[in-house]
Amino acid sequence: MRSATHTSRAERLKTLAIDSSVAGGRAVLVPRGDLMHGCADTLTRALARLPEDIDRVELDMTGVCFMDTTGLHFLEVLDTYGRGRRVRVTATGWAEQPRQVLEMAGLDPDDPLHGPGTRREPVPTTVILERTRQLDRLRTEVEQLRQAIATRPVIDQARGVLMATHACSPDQAWDVLREASQLSNTKLRKVAEVVTAGAEGGGPHPSPELRRALRTAIDRCLN
């Protein structure tokens, strides 16, 4: 059985899928992908499909290489399921980056649901604040990665336009886009959209500042 979270085009590389197998009252779930937005819903659906007579649920987390703070909600869903059904649940085999998030949350990365980290003494306020800052940085990195994935197709198209128009190399085309972005203080994605739209004969006209920046960038990088 498999349950999956379907995300936007920018996030398809991050889709979480959960394979499951059941034998002798023991269910083994194997998540593959990233624990990000929607991962808890994916787990909820996978758990709902398990037979009523199981007495143990084991999650093999070796296929998860990245998680943000929503991964903690993923664990809450698993823990709630175990308590409600009165079955033992475990989630072990965490990779390096998820282990760091679990440690920052004060959990035992070897067994976050049952390990000693679940019964630690209260964490000092200063430590909580530092962990919060670290988790905020993780959220920022995740968002930047999502934006980079979404931006890449249009940038590749713009590079292709420049290569065809000016008979330049991929690296030179990249230099033109980057230079124009810096000269006009315009986001790289916007510069790429303007270049692509110009080749297709549609889309909004670039501002005079951006047109000048593109001409200057072409002169500097290609001549």
N, C-alpha and C. Protein backbone atom coordinates (compact mmCIF):
# COMPACT_ATOMS: atom_id res chain seq x y z
N MET A 1 0.85 -1.19 0.00
CA MET A 1 0.00 0.00 0.00
C MET A 1 0.88 1.24 0.00
N ARG A 2 0.40 2.32 -0.61
CA ARG A 2 1.18 3.54 -0.63
C ARG A 2 0.27 4.75 -0.51
N SER A 3 0.69 5.67 0.34
CA SER A 3 -0.03 6.93 0.49
C SER A 3 0.95 8.04 0.21
N ALA A 4 0.54 9.07 -0.55
CA ALA A 4 1.48 10.12 -0.96
C ALA A 4 0.87 11.49 -0.81
N THR A 5 1.75 12.47 -0.54
CA THR A 5 1.35 13.87 -0.51
C THR A 5 1.69 14.48 -1.85
N HIS A 6 0.70 15.09 -2.53
CA HIS A 6 0.95 15.75 -3.80
C HIS A 6 1.10 17.23 -3.56
N THR A 7 2.19 17.80 -4.02
CA THR A 7 2.49 19.19 -3.77
C THR A 7 2.49 19.96 -5.07
N SER A 8 2.78 21.25 -4.99
CA SER A 8 2.84 22.09 -6.17
C SER A 8 4.03 21.71 -7.02
N ARG A 9 4.08 22.28 -8.24
CA ARG A 9 5.17 21.94 -9.14
C ARG A 9 6.52 22.24 -8.51
N ALA A 10 6.59 23.32 -7.72
CA ALA A 10 7.86 23.69 -7.11
C ALA A 10 8.30 22.70 -6.06
N GLU A 11 7.37 21.86 -5.58
CA GLU A 11 7.71 20.99 -4.47
C GLU A 11 7.64 19.51 -4.85
N ARG A 12 7.45 19.18 -6.11
CA ARG A 12 7.26 17.79 -6.47
C ARG A 12 8.45 16.92 -6.12
N LEU A 13 9.64 17.50 -6.13
CA LEU A 13 10.81 16.74 -5.77
C LEU A 13 10.80 16.38 -4.29
N LYS A 14 9.90 16.99 -3.51
CA LYS A 14 9.85 16.76 -2.08
C LYS A 14 8.69 15.85 -1.67
N THR A 15 8.02 15.24 -2.61
CA THR A 15 6.85 14.42 -2.30
C THR A 15 7.20 13.31 -1.32
N LEU A 16 6.35 13.14 -0.32
CA LEU A 16 6.52 12.06 0.65
C LEU A 16 5.60 10.91 0.28
N ALA A 17 6.15 9.71 0.19
CA ALA A 17 5.36 8.50 -0.04
C ALA A 17 5.65 7.53 1.09
N ILE A 18 4.65 6.75 1.46
CA ILE A 18 4.81 5.79 2.55
C ILE A 18 4.40 4.41 2.07
N ASP A 19 5.35 3.49 2.01
CA ASP A 19 5.06 2.09 1.70
C ASP A 19 4.75 1.37 3.01
N SER A 20 3.87 0.40 2.95
CA SER A 20 3.51 -0.33 4.16
C SER A 20 3.38 -1.82 3.88
N SER A 21 3.70 -2.60 4.90
CA SER A 21 3.52 -4.05 4.84
C SER A 21 3.06 -4.53 6.21
N VAL A 22 2.26 -5.58 6.22
CA VAL A 22 1.71 -6.11 7.47
C VAL A 22 1.93 -7.61 7.51
N ALA A 23 2.42 -8.09 8.66
CA ALA A 23 2.61 -9.53 8.84
C ALA A 23 2.54 -9.85 10.33
N GLY A 24 1.68 -10.79 10.68
CA GLY A 24 1.61 -11.26 12.06
C GLY A 24 1.31 -10.18 13.08
N GLY A 25 0.43 -9.26 12.75
CA GLY A 25 0.07 -8.21 13.69
C GLY A 25 1.06 -7.07 13.75
N ARG A 26 2.09 -7.11 12.92
CA ARG A 26 3.13 -6.08 12.91
C ARG A 26 3.09 -5.34 11.58
N ALA A 27 2.94 -4.03 11.66
CA ALA A 27 2.92 -3.19 10.46
C ALA A 27 4.23 -2.42 10.36
N VAL A 28 4.82 -2.44 9.18
CA VAL A 28 6.05 -1.69 8.94
C VAL A 28 5.76 -0.64 7.88
N LEU A 29 5.98 0.61 8.23
CA LEU A 29 5.80 1.72 7.30
C LEU A 29 7.16 2.29 6.94
N VAL A 30 7.36 2.55 5.65
CA VAL A 30 8.65 3.05 5.17
C VAL A 30 8.41 4.36 4.41
N PRO A 31 8.54 5.50 5.09
CA PRO A 31 8.39 6.79 4.40
C PRO A 31 9.61 7.07 3.52
N ARG A 32 9.35 7.67 2.36
CA ARG A 32 10.44 8.09 1.46
C ARG A 32 10.12 9.49 0.97
N GLY A 33 11.07 10.39 1.15
CA GLY A 33 10.86 11.78 0.76
C GLY A 33 11.22 12.69 1.90
N ASP A 34 10.59 13.85 1.97
CA ASP A 34 10.90 14.83 3.00
C ASP A 34 9.70 15.07 3.90
N LEU A 35 9.97 15.29 5.18
CA LEU A 35 8.90 15.61 6.13
C LEU A 35 8.71 17.12 6.12
N MET A 36 7.79 17.55 5.26
CA MET A 36 7.48 18.96 5.13
C MET A 36 5.97 19.12 5.13
N HIS A 37 5.48 20.24 4.63
CA HIS A 37 4.05 20.51 4.65
C HIS A 37 3.26 19.36 4.03
N GLY A 38 2.26 18.86 4.76
CA GLY A 38 1.43 17.78 4.26
C GLY A 38 1.85 16.40 4.71
N CYS A 39 3.03 16.29 5.34
CA CYS A 39 3.53 14.96 5.71
C CYS A 39 2.65 14.29 6.76
N ALA A 40 2.09 15.07 7.69
CA ALA A 40 1.24 14.49 8.73
C ALA A 40 -0.04 13.91 8.12
N ASP A 41 -0.58 14.59 7.11
CA ASP A 41 -1.78 14.08 6.45
C ASP A 41 -1.48 12.77 5.72
N THR A 42 -0.29 12.69 5.11
CA THR A 42 0.10 11.47 4.43
C THR A 42 0.19 10.30 5.41
N LEU A 43 0.77 10.56 6.58
CA LEU A 43 0.86 9.51 7.59
C LEU A 43 -0.52 9.12 8.10
N THR A 44 -1.39 10.09 8.30
CA THR A 44 -2.75 9.80 8.77
C THR A 44 -3.46 8.85 7.82
N ARG A 45 -3.32 9.10 6.51
CA ARG A 45 -3.97 8.22 5.53
C ARG A 45 -3.36 6.83 5.55
N ALA A 46 -2.03 6.76 5.69
CA ALA A 46 -1.37 5.46 5.71
C ALA A 46 -1.80 4.65 6.94
N LEU A 47 -1.90 5.30 8.08
CA LEU A 47 -2.32 4.61 9.31
C LEU A 47 -3.77 4.16 9.22
N ALA A 48 -4.61 4.96 8.58
CA ALA A 48 -6.03 4.62 8.47
C ALA A 48 -6.25 3.36 7.64
N ARG A 49 -5.29 3.04 6.78
CA ARG A 49 -5.43 1.86 5.92
C ARG A 49 -4.94 0.58 6.57
N LEU A 50 -4.37 0.68 7.75
CA LEU A 50 -3.86 -0.51 8.42
C LEU A 50 -5.00 -1.34 8.98
N PRO A 51 -4.83 -2.66 9.07
CA PRO A 51 -5.87 -3.52 9.64
C PRO A 51 -6.13 -3.19 11.11
N GLU A 52 -7.29 -3.59 11.59
CA GLU A 52 -7.68 -3.30 12.97
C GLU A 52 -6.92 -4.15 13.99
N ASP A 53 -6.43 -5.32 13.56
CA ASP A 53 -5.88 -6.27 14.53
C ASP A 53 -4.37 -6.16 14.72
N ILE A 54 -3.74 -5.10 14.26
CA ILE A 54 -2.29 -4.99 14.46
C ILE A 54 -2.00 -4.59 15.90
N ASP A 55 -0.84 -5.00 16.40
CA ASP A 55 -0.46 -4.63 17.76
C ASP A 55 0.86 -3.88 17.82
N ARG A 56 1.43 -3.59 16.65
CA ARG A 56 2.70 -2.86 16.62
C ARG A 56 2.86 -2.17 15.27
N VAL A 57 3.31 -0.91 15.31
CA VAL A 57 3.58 -0.15 14.08
C VAL A 57 5.00 0.38 14.16
N GLU A 58 5.80 0.00 13.18
CA GLU A 58 7.20 0.43 13.15
C GLU A 58 7.44 1.26 11.90
N LEU A 59 8.01 2.44 12.08
CA LEU A 59 8.37 3.29 10.95
C LEU A 59 9.88 3.24 10.74
N ASP A 60 10.28 2.88 9.54
CA ASP A 60 11.69 2.88 9.16
C ASP A 60 11.96 4.21 8.46
N MET A 61 12.66 5.12 9.14
CA MET A 61 12.83 6.48 8.65
C MET A 61 14.09 6.69 7.83
N THR A 62 14.76 5.61 7.44
CA THR A 62 16.02 5.76 6.71
C THR A 62 15.84 6.42 5.34
N GLY A 63 14.61 6.39 4.81
CA GLY A 63 14.37 7.00 3.50
C GLY A 63 14.03 8.47 3.56
N VAL A 64 14.05 9.05 4.76
CA VAL A 64 13.77 10.48 4.93
C VAL A 64 15.08 11.21 5.17
N CYS A 65 15.43 12.11 4.26
CA CYS A 65 16.72 12.81 4.36
C CYS A 65 16.58 14.24 4.85
N PHE A 66 15.36 14.76 4.86
CA PHE A 66 15.18 16.15 5.28
C PHE A 66 13.84 16.30 5.98
N MET A 67 13.82 17.14 7.02
CA MET A 67 12.56 17.49 7.67
C MET A 67 12.65 18.90 8.20
N ASP A 68 11.51 19.60 8.20
CA ASP A 68 11.45 20.87 8.91
C ASP A 68 10.58 20.65 10.14
N THR A 69 10.13 21.72 10.77
CA THR A 69 9.42 21.55 12.03
C THR A 69 8.08 20.86 11.89
N THR A 70 7.53 20.80 10.67
CA THR A 70 6.28 20.06 10.50
C THR A 70 6.49 18.56 10.70
N GLY A 71 7.75 18.12 10.63
CA GLY A 71 8.04 16.72 10.92
C GLY A 71 7.72 16.36 12.36
N LEU A 72 7.75 17.34 13.25
CA LEU A 72 7.38 17.08 14.64
C LEU A 72 5.89 16.76 14.75
N HIS A 73 5.08 17.40 13.92
CA HIS A 73 3.65 17.09 13.89
C HIS A 73 3.43 15.67 13.36
N PHE A 74 4.27 15.26 12.42
CA PHE A 74 4.26 13.89 11.90
C PHE A 74 4.39 12.90 13.05
N LEU A 75 5.32 13.18 13.97
CA LEU A 75 5.51 12.31 15.12
C LEU A 75 4.32 12.36 16.08
N GLU A 76 3.73 13.53 16.21
CA GLU A 76 2.55 13.65 17.08
C GLU A 76 1.40 12.79 16.56
N VAL A 77 1.24 12.77 15.24
CA VAL A 77 0.18 11.94 14.64
C VAL A 77 0.44 10.47 14.96
N LEU A 78 1.69 10.05 14.82
CA LEU A 78 2.03 8.65 15.11
C LEU A 78 1.80 8.32 16.57
N ASP A 79 2.22 9.21 17.46
CA ASP A 79 2.05 8.98 18.89
C ASP A 79 0.57 8.93 19.27
N THR A 80 -0.22 9.83 18.71
CA THR A 80 -1.66 9.84 18.99
C THR A 80 -2.33 8.56 18.52
N TYR A 81 -1.90 8.08 17.36
CA TYR A 81 -2.44 6.82 16.84
C TYR A 81 -2.13 5.68 17.80
N GLY A 82 -0.88 5.61 18.26
CA GLY A 82 -0.49 4.53 19.16
C GLY A 82 -1.26 4.56 20.47
N ARG A 83 -1.44 5.76 21.02
CA ARG A 83 -2.17 5.87 22.28
C ARG A 83 -3.65 5.52 22.10
N GLY A 84 -4.22 6.00 21.00
CA GLY A 84 -5.63 5.75 20.77
C GLY A 84 -5.94 4.29 20.49
N ARG A 85 -5.03 3.63 19.77
CA ARG A 85 -5.25 2.21 19.43
C ARG A 85 -4.61 1.26 20.45
N ARG A 86 -3.85 1.84 21.37
CA ARG A 86 -3.13 1.05 22.38
C ARG A 86 -2.20 0.03 21.73
N VAL A 87 -1.46 0.51 20.75
CA VAL A 87 -0.43 -0.32 20.11
C VAL A 87 0.90 0.41 20.24
N ARG A 88 1.97 -0.33 20.23
CA ARG A 88 3.29 0.28 20.33
C ARG A 88 3.68 0.83 18.96
N VAL A 89 4.16 2.05 18.95
CA VAL A 89 4.61 2.68 17.71
C VAL A 89 6.05 3.16 17.89
N THR A 90 6.85 2.99 16.86
CA THR A 90 8.24 3.46 16.89
C THR A 90 8.58 4.12 15.57
N ALA A 91 9.56 5.00 15.62
CA ALA A 91 10.06 5.65 14.41
C ALA A 91 11.58 5.76 14.57
N THR A 92 12.30 4.89 13.90
CA THR A 92 13.75 4.81 14.09
C THR A 92 14.47 4.85 12.74
N GLY A 93 15.79 4.99 12.81
CA GLY A 93 16.61 5.00 11.59
C GLY A 93 16.72 6.36 10.95
N TRP A 94 16.69 7.42 11.74
CA TRP A 94 16.70 8.78 11.20
C TRP A 94 18.05 9.14 10.60
N ALA A 95 18.02 9.85 9.48
CA ALA A 95 19.24 10.32 8.83
C ALA A 95 19.78 11.56 9.55
N GLU A 96 20.91 12.05 9.07
CA GLU A 96 21.65 13.08 9.80
C GLU A 96 20.87 14.37 10.02
N GLN A 97 20.31 14.96 8.95
CA GLN A 97 19.62 16.25 9.12
C GLN A 97 18.37 16.13 9.99
N PRO A 98 17.51 15.13 9.78
CA PRO A 98 16.37 14.97 10.69
C PRO A 98 16.79 14.74 12.14
N ARG A 99 17.89 14.04 12.35
CA ARG A 99 18.37 13.82 13.71
C ARG A 99 18.69 15.15 14.39
N GLN A 100 19.27 16.08 13.63
CA GLN A 100 19.60 17.38 14.19
C GLN A 100 18.34 18.13 14.62
N VAL A 101 17.29 18.04 13.81
CA VAL A 101 16.03 18.70 14.17
C VAL A 101 15.45 18.08 15.42
N LEU A 102 15.49 16.75 15.51
CA LEU A 102 14.97 16.07 16.70
C LEU A 102 15.75 16.47 17.95
N GLU A 103 17.07 16.56 17.81
CA GLU A 103 17.88 16.96 18.96
C GLU A 103 17.57 18.38 19.39
N MET A 104 17.38 19.28 18.40
CA MET A 104 17.05 20.67 18.74
C MET A 104 15.69 20.76 19.43
N ALA A 105 14.81 19.81 19.11
CA ALA A 105 13.48 19.79 19.74
C ALA A 105 13.51 19.10 21.10
N GLY A 106 14.68 18.62 21.52
CA GLY A 106 14.80 17.97 22.81
C GLY A 106 14.38 16.52 22.82
N LEU A 107 14.36 15.88 21.64
CA LEU A 107 13.96 14.47 21.54
C LEU A 107 15.17 13.59 21.30
N ASP A 108 15.01 12.32 21.64
CA ASP A 108 16.06 11.34 21.41
C ASP A 108 16.02 10.92 19.94
N PRO A 109 17.04 11.23 19.13
CA PRO A 109 16.99 10.90 17.71
C PRO A 109 17.00 9.40 17.41
N ASP A 110 17.42 8.59 18.38
CA ASP A 110 17.41 7.15 18.17
C ASP A 110 16.00 6.57 18.32
N ASP A 111 15.20 7.18 19.17
CA ASP A 111 13.82 6.74 19.37
C ASP A 111 13.03 7.91 19.96
N PRO A 112 12.60 8.85 19.11
CA PRO A 112 11.99 10.09 19.63
C PRO A 112 10.68 9.90 20.39
N LEU A 113 10.01 8.76 20.20
CA LEU A 113 8.75 8.54 20.89
C LEU A 113 8.91 7.86 22.24
N HIS A 114 10.02 7.11 22.41
CA HIS A 114 10.18 6.34 23.64
C HIS A 114 11.53 6.52 24.31
N GLY A 115 12.47 7.18 23.64
CA GLY A 115 13.80 7.32 24.19
C GLY A 115 13.84 8.26 25.38
N PRO A 116 15.01 8.36 26.01
CA PRO A 116 15.14 9.22 27.19
C PRO A 116 14.84 10.68 26.91
N GLY A 117 14.98 11.09 25.64
CA GLY A 117 14.72 12.49 25.30
C GLY A 117 13.28 12.89 25.52
N THR A 118 12.37 11.90 25.56
CA THR A 118 10.95 12.23 25.75
C THR A 118 10.62 12.51 27.21
N ARG A 119 11.58 12.25 28.10
CA ARG A 119 11.32 12.45 29.53
C ARG A 119 12.43 13.28 30.18
N ARG A 120 13.06 14.14 29.41
CA ARG A 120 14.13 14.95 29.95
C ARG A 120 13.59 16.00 30.92
N GLU A 121 14.52 16.54 31.71
CA GLU A 121 14.17 17.64 32.60
C GLU A 121 13.79 18.85 31.76
N PRO A 122 13.02 19.79 32.31
CA PRO A 122 12.65 20.99 31.56
C PRO A 122 13.87 21.69 30.97
N VAL A 123 13.75 22.10 29.73
CA VAL A 123 14.86 22.75 29.04
C VAL A 123 14.89 24.22 29.41
N PRO A 124 16.08 24.77 29.75
CA PRO A 124 16.17 26.19 30.10
C PRO A 124 15.64 27.09 28.99
N THR A 125 15.11 28.24 29.39
CA THR A 125 14.52 29.17 28.42
C THR A 125 15.52 29.59 27.37
N THR A 126 16.76 29.84 27.77
CA THR A 126 17.77 30.28 26.80
C THR A 126 18.01 29.22 25.73
N VAL A 127 17.97 27.96 26.13
CA VAL A 127 18.16 26.87 25.17
C VAL A 127 16.97 26.79 24.23
N ILE A 128 15.76 26.95 24.78
CA ILE A 128 14.56 26.92 23.94
C ILE A 128 14.61 28.03 22.90
N LEU A 129 15.04 29.23 23.32
CA LEU A 129 15.12 30.35 22.38
C LEU A 129 16.13 30.06 21.27
N GLU A 130 17.26 29.48 21.63
CA GLU A 130 18.27 29.17 20.62
C GLU A 130 17.76 28.10 19.66
N ARG A 131 17.07 27.09 20.19
CA ARG A 131 16.51 26.06 19.32
C ARG A 131 15.45 26.65 18.40
N THR A 132 14.67 27.59 18.91
CA THR A 132 13.66 28.24 18.08
C THR A 132 14.31 28.99 16.94
N ARG A 133 15.41 29.69 17.24
CA ARG A 133 16.12 30.42 16.18
C ARG A 133 16.68 29.45 15.14
N GLN A 134 17.21 28.32 15.61
CA GLN A 134 17.75 27.34 14.67
C GLN A 134 16.65 26.77 13.78
N LEU A 135 15.49 26.48 14.36
CA LEU A 135 14.38 25.96 13.57
C LEU A 135 13.86 27.01 12.60
N ASP A 136 13.88 28.28 13.01
CA ASP A 136 13.48 29.35 12.09
C ASP A 136 14.43 29.42 10.90
N ARG A 137 15.72 29.22 11.17
CA ARG A 137 16.69 29.23 10.07
C ARG A 137 16.42 28.06 9.12
N LEU A 138 16.04 26.92 9.68
CA LEU A 138 15.69 25.77 8.84
C LEU A 138 14.50 26.09 7.94
N ARG A 139 13.49 26.75 8.52
CA ARG A 139 12.32 27.12 7.72
C ARG A 139 12.73 28.04 6.57
N THR A 140 13.62 28.99 6.86
CA THR A 140 14.08 29.92 5.82
C THR A 140 14.81 29.17 4.72
N GLU A 141 15.67 28.23 5.10
CA GLU A 141 16.41 27.45 4.11
C GLU A 141 15.47 26.63 3.23
N VAL A 142 14.43 26.06 3.85
CA VAL A 142 13.46 25.28 3.09
C VAL A 142 12.75 26.16 2.08
N GLU A 143 12.32 27.35 2.50
CA GLU A 143 11.61 28.25 1.60
C GLU A 143 12.51 28.71 0.46
N GLN A 144 13.78 28.97 0.76
CA GLN A 144 14.71 29.36 -0.30
C GLN A 144 14.90 28.24 -1.30
N LEU A 145 14.94 27.00 -0.80
CA LEU A 145 15.09 25.86 -1.69
C LEU A 145 13.87 25.71 -2.58
N ARG A 146 12.68 25.88 -2.01
CA ARG A 146 11.46 25.81 -2.81
C ARG A 146 11.47 26.86 -3.92
N GLN A 147 11.87 28.07 -3.57
CA GLN A 147 11.90 29.14 -4.56
C GLN A 147 12.92 28.85 -5.65
N ALA A 148 14.05 28.27 -5.25
CA ALA A 148 15.08 27.94 -6.24
C ALA A 148 14.57 26.90 -7.23
N ILE A 149 13.84 25.90 -6.72
CA ILE A 149 13.30 24.87 -7.59
C ILE A 149 12.28 25.46 -8.56
N ALA A 150 11.44 26.37 -8.04
CA ALA A 150 10.42 26.99 -8.88
C ALA A 150 11.02 27.91 -9.93
N THR A 151 12.14 28.54 -9.60
CA THR A 151 12.76 29.53 -10.48
C THR A 151 13.58 28.89 -11.59
N ARG A 152 14.10 27.73 -11.35
CA ARG A 152 15.06 27.13 -12.27
C ARG A 152 14.56 26.98 -13.71
N PRO A 153 13.31 26.51 -13.94
CA PRO A 153 12.88 26.33 -15.34
C PRO A 153 12.94 27.61 -16.16
N VAL A 154 12.45 28.74 -15.62
CA VAL A 154 12.43 29.97 -16.41
C VAL A 154 13.84 30.50 -16.63
N ILE A 155 14.73 30.28 -15.67
CA ILE A 155 16.12 30.71 -15.86
C ILE A 155 16.78 29.88 -16.95
N ASP A 156 16.52 28.58 -16.96
CA ASP A 156 17.07 27.72 -18.01
C ASP A 156 16.56 28.15 -19.38
N GLN A 157 15.28 28.53 -19.45
CA GLN A 157 14.73 28.99 -20.73
C GLN A 157 15.42 30.27 -21.18
N ALA A 158 15.62 31.19 -20.25
CA ALA A 158 16.26 32.46 -20.60
C ALA A 158 17.70 32.24 -21.05
N ARG A 159 18.39 31.32 -20.41
CA ARG A 159 19.75 31.01 -20.85
C ARG A 159 19.74 30.47 -22.28
N GLY A 160 18.75 29.63 -22.57
CA GLY A 160 18.64 29.09 -23.92
C GLY A 160 18.40 30.18 -24.95
N VAL A 161 17.56 31.17 -24.59
CA VAL A 161 17.30 32.29 -25.49
C VAL A 161 18.58 33.06 -25.77
N LEU A 162 19.33 33.36 -24.72
CA LEU A 162 20.57 34.12 -24.89
C LEU A 162 21.60 33.33 -25.69
N MET A 163 21.68 32.04 -25.45
CA MET A 163 22.63 31.20 -26.19
C MET A 163 22.29 31.18 -27.68
N ALA A 164 20.98 31.09 -27.99
CA ALA A 164 20.57 31.05 -29.39
C ALA A 164 20.74 32.41 -30.06
N THR A 165 20.48 33.47 -29.31
CA THR A 165 20.53 34.82 -29.88
C THR A 165 21.95 35.33 -30.06
N HIS A 166 22.81 35.01 -29.10
CA HIS A 166 24.16 35.59 -29.10
C HIS A 166 25.26 34.55 -29.30
N ALA A 167 24.88 33.31 -29.58
CA ALA A 167 25.87 32.24 -29.82
C ALA A 167 26.89 32.18 -28.68
N CYS A 168 26.39 32.20 -27.47
CA CYS A 168 27.29 32.16 -26.31
C CYS A 168 27.14 30.83 -25.58
N SER A 169 28.00 30.61 -24.61
CA SER A 169 27.98 29.37 -23.84
C SER A 169 26.96 29.47 -22.71
N PRO A 170 26.59 28.34 -22.10
CA PRO A 170 25.66 28.39 -20.96
C PRO A 170 26.18 29.26 -19.82
N ASP A 171 27.49 29.18 -19.55
CA ASP A 171 28.05 29.99 -18.47
C ASP A 171 27.99 31.47 -18.79
N GLN A 172 28.24 31.83 -20.05
CA GLN A 172 28.15 33.23 -20.44
C GLN A 172 26.71 33.75 -20.32
N ALA A 173 25.76 32.92 -20.72
CA ALA A 173 24.36 33.31 -20.61
C ALA A 173 23.98 33.53 -19.15
N TRP A 174 24.47 32.67 -18.29
CA TRP A 174 24.21 32.83 -16.85
C TRP A 174 24.81 34.13 -16.34
N ASP A 175 26.03 34.45 -16.79
CA ASP A 175 26.68 35.68 -16.37
C ASP A 175 25.87 36.91 -16.79
N VAL A 176 25.28 36.86 -17.99
CA VAL A 176 24.47 37.98 -18.46
C VAL A 176 23.26 38.18 -17.55
N LEU A 177 22.56 37.10 -17.23
CA LEU A 177 21.38 37.21 -16.37
C LEU A 177 21.75 37.73 -14.99
N ARG A 178 22.81 37.21 -14.44
CA ARG A 178 23.23 37.64 -13.10
C ARG A 178 23.66 39.10 -13.09
N GLU A 179 24.43 39.49 -14.12
CA GLU A 179 24.90 40.88 -14.20
C GLU A 179 23.72 41.84 -14.35
N ALA A 180 22.77 41.50 -15.21
CA ALA A 180 21.60 42.36 -15.40
C ALA A 180 20.78 42.46 -14.11
N SER A 181 20.69 41.37 -13.40
CA SER A 181 19.96 41.37 -12.13
C SER A 181 20.61 42.32 -11.13
N GLN A 182 21.93 42.28 -11.05
CA GLN A 182 22.64 43.12 -10.10
C GLN A 182 22.60 44.59 -10.51
N LEU A 183 22.77 44.86 -11.80
CA LEU A 183 22.80 46.24 -12.28
C LEU A 183 21.45 46.94 -12.10
N SER A 184 20.37 46.19 -12.27
CA SER A 184 19.04 46.80 -12.20
C SER A 184 18.36 46.57 -10.85
N ASN A 185 19.04 45.86 -9.96
CA ASN A 185 18.45 45.53 -8.65
C ASN A 185 17.11 44.83 -8.84
N THR A 186 17.10 43.87 -9.77
CA THR A 186 15.90 43.11 -10.10
C THR A 186 16.15 41.64 -9.80
N LYS A 187 15.14 40.95 -9.29
CA LYS A 187 15.31 39.53 -9.01
C LYS A 187 15.66 38.77 -10.28
N LEU A 188 16.50 37.77 -10.11
CA LEU A 188 16.97 36.99 -11.25
C LEU A 188 15.81 36.36 -12.01
N ARG A 189 14.81 35.89 -11.30
CA ARG A 189 13.66 35.28 -11.96
C ARG A 189 12.96 36.28 -12.88
N LYS A 190 12.81 37.53 -12.41
CA LYS A 190 12.15 38.56 -13.21
C LYS A 190 12.95 38.86 -14.48
N VAL A 191 14.27 38.93 -14.34
CA VAL A 191 15.12 39.16 -15.52
C VAL A 191 14.93 38.03 -16.52
N ALA A 192 14.92 36.80 -16.03
CA ALA A 192 14.75 35.64 -16.91
C ALA A 192 13.39 35.67 -17.60
N GLU A 193 12.35 36.06 -16.87
CA GLU A 193 11.01 36.14 -17.46
C GLU A 193 10.96 37.16 -18.59
N VAL A 194 11.64 38.29 -18.39
CA VAL A 194 11.67 39.34 -19.42
C VAL A 194 12.38 38.84 -20.67
N VAL A 195 13.51 38.17 -20.49
CA VAL A 195 14.27 37.65 -21.63
C VAL A 195 13.44 36.63 -22.39
N THR A 196 12.79 35.73 -21.67
CA THR A 196 11.97 34.69 -22.31
C THR A 196 10.76 35.29 -23.01
N ALA A 197 10.09 36.24 -22.35
CA ALA A 197 8.92 36.87 -22.95
C ALA A 197 9.29 37.64 -24.22
N GLY A 198 10.46 38.27 -24.21
CA GLY A 198 10.91 39.00 -25.39
C GLY A 198 11.11 38.09 -26.58
N ALA A 199 11.63 36.90 -26.33
CA ALA A 199 11.85 35.95 -27.42
C ALA A 199 10.54 35.41 -27.96
N GLU A 200 9.53 35.30 -27.08
CA GLU A 200 8.23 34.76 -27.50
C GLU A 200 7.32 35.84 -28.08
N GLY A 201 7.74 37.10 -27.96
CA GLY A 201 6.95 38.19 -28.51
C GLY A 201 5.73 38.53 -27.69
N GLY A 202 5.77 38.25 -26.41
CA GLY A 202 4.63 38.55 -25.55
C GLY A 202 5.09 38.94 -24.18
N GLY A 203 4.15 39.15 -23.29
CA GLY A 203 4.49 39.49 -21.92
C GLY A 203 4.72 40.98 -21.75
N PRO A 204 4.89 41.42 -20.51
CA PRO A 204 5.08 42.84 -20.23
C PRO A 204 6.43 43.34 -20.74
N HIS A 205 6.46 44.62 -21.11
CA HIS A 205 7.71 45.22 -21.55
C HIS A 205 8.60 45.50 -20.34
N PRO A 206 9.90 45.27 -20.48
CA PRO A 206 10.80 45.55 -19.35
C PRO A 206 10.91 47.05 -19.12
N SER A 207 11.23 47.42 -17.90
CA SER A 207 11.43 48.82 -17.58
C SER A 207 12.68 49.34 -18.30
N PRO A 208 12.75 50.64 -18.53
CA PRO A 208 13.95 51.20 -19.18
C PRO A 208 15.23 50.83 -18.43
N GLU A 209 15.15 50.82 -17.11
CA GLU A 209 16.33 50.47 -16.31
C GLU A 209 16.78 49.04 -16.58
N LEU A 210 15.82 48.12 -16.67
CA LEU A 210 16.18 46.73 -16.93
C LEU A 210 16.69 46.55 -18.35
N ARG A 211 16.12 47.27 -19.31
CA ARG A 211 16.63 47.18 -20.69
C ARG A 211 18.08 47.64 -20.75
N ARG A 212 18.37 48.75 -20.07
CA ARG A 212 19.75 49.24 -20.05
C ARG A 212 20.67 48.23 -19.38
N ALA A 213 20.19 47.64 -18.30
CA ALA A 213 21.01 46.66 -17.58
C ALA A 213 21.30 45.45 -18.45
N LEU A 214 20.32 45.00 -19.22
CA LEU A 214 20.54 43.85 -20.10
C LEU A 214 21.55 44.19 -21.19
N ARG A 215 21.42 45.38 -21.78
CA ARG A 215 22.38 45.77 -22.82
C ARG A 215 23.80 45.84 -22.24
N THR A 216 23.91 46.45 -21.07
CA THR A 216 25.23 46.56 -20.44
C THR A 216 25.79 45.19 -20.10
N ALA A 217 24.95 44.31 -19.58
CA ALA A 217 25.40 42.97 -19.21
C ALA A 217 25.87 42.19 -20.42
N ILE A 218 25.16 42.33 -21.53
CA ILE A 218 25.56 41.64 -22.76
C ILE A 218 26.90 42.17 -23.25
N ASP A 219 27.07 43.49 -23.20
CA ASP A 219 28.35 44.08 -23.63
C ASP A 219 29.50 43.61 -22.76
N ARG A 220 29.27 43.56 -21.46
CA ARG A 220 30.34 43.19 -20.53
C ARG A 220 30.69 41.71 -20.61
N CYS A 221 29.68 40.88 -20.75
CA CYS A 221 29.90 39.44 -20.64
C CYS A 221 30.17 38.74 -21.97
N LEU A 222 29.73 39.35 -23.06
CA LEU A 222 29.84 38.66 -24.35
C LEU A 222 30.76 39.35 -25.34
N ASN A 223 31.20 40.55 -25.04
CA ASN A 223 32.06 41.28 -25.99
C ASN A 223 33.47 41.45 -25.42
